[in-house]
């Protein structure tokens, strides 16, 4: 049974899930950086 499954199921779903995970982490980091920049800019403008 496993041999048949290996023959008919490709690695594409594995790559698909890996790409989703990779992009999720990247977008999450970008969002955190953007929040940090906005907070830093808000603190800078309060000084003036």
Protein backbone atom coordinates (compact mmCIF):
# COMPACT_ATOMS: atom_id res chain seq x y z
CA UNK A 1 0.00 0.00 0.00
CA UNK A 2 2.77 2.44 0.86
CA UNK A 3 4.47 1.82 -2.46
CA UNK A 4 1.27 2.65 -4.29
CA UNK A 5 0.83 5.79 -2.24
CA UNK A 6 4.39 6.90 -2.96
CA UNK A 7 3.86 6.27 -6.63
CA UNK A 8 0.69 8.35 -6.91
CA UNK A 9 1.21 11.06 -4.30
CA UNK A 10 3.82 13.63 -5.17
CA UNK A 11 5.80 15.89 -2.87
CA UNK A 12 3.85 18.88 -4.12
CA UNK A 13 1.53 19.07 -1.06
CA UNK A 14 4.59 19.03 1.21
CA UNK A 15 6.18 21.90 -0.72
CA UNK A 16 2.89 23.78 -0.73
CA UNK A 17 2.56 23.61 3.05
CA UNK A 18 6.22 24.50 3.50
CA UNK A 19 5.77 27.60 1.33
CA UNK A 20 2.69 28.67 3.28
CA UNK A 21 4.61 28.32 6.55
CA UNK A 22 7.59 30.22 5.17
CA UNK A 23 5.50 33.13 3.89
CA UNK A 24 3.50 33.25 7.13
CA UNK A 25 6.69 33.70 9.14
CA UNK A 26 7.99 36.36 6.75
CA UNK A 27 4.75 38.36 6.75
CA UNK A 28 4.55 38.11 10.54
CA UNK A 29 8.07 39.52 10.88
CA UNK A 30 7.32 42.32 8.42
CA UNK A 31 4.20 43.25 10.39
CA UNK A 32 6.18 43.34 13.63
CA UNK A 33 8.86 45.54 12.04
CA UNK A 34 6.21 47.90 10.72
CA UNK A 35 4.59 48.21 14.16
CA UNK A 36 8.00 48.85 15.73
CA UNK A 37 8.78 51.58 13.16
CA UNK A 38 5.41 53.23 13.72
CA UNK A 39 5.95 53.24 17.48
CA UNK A 40 9.46 54.64 17.06
CA UNK A 41 8.23 57.35 14.69
CA UNK A 42 5.37 58.25 17.03
CA UNK A 43 7.83 58.62 19.91
CA UNK A 44 10.12 60.77 17.76
CA UNK A 45 7.33 63.12 16.71
CA UNK A 46 6.16 63.55 20.31
CA UNK A 47 9.51 65.13 21.14
CA UNK A 48 8.88 68.05 18.79
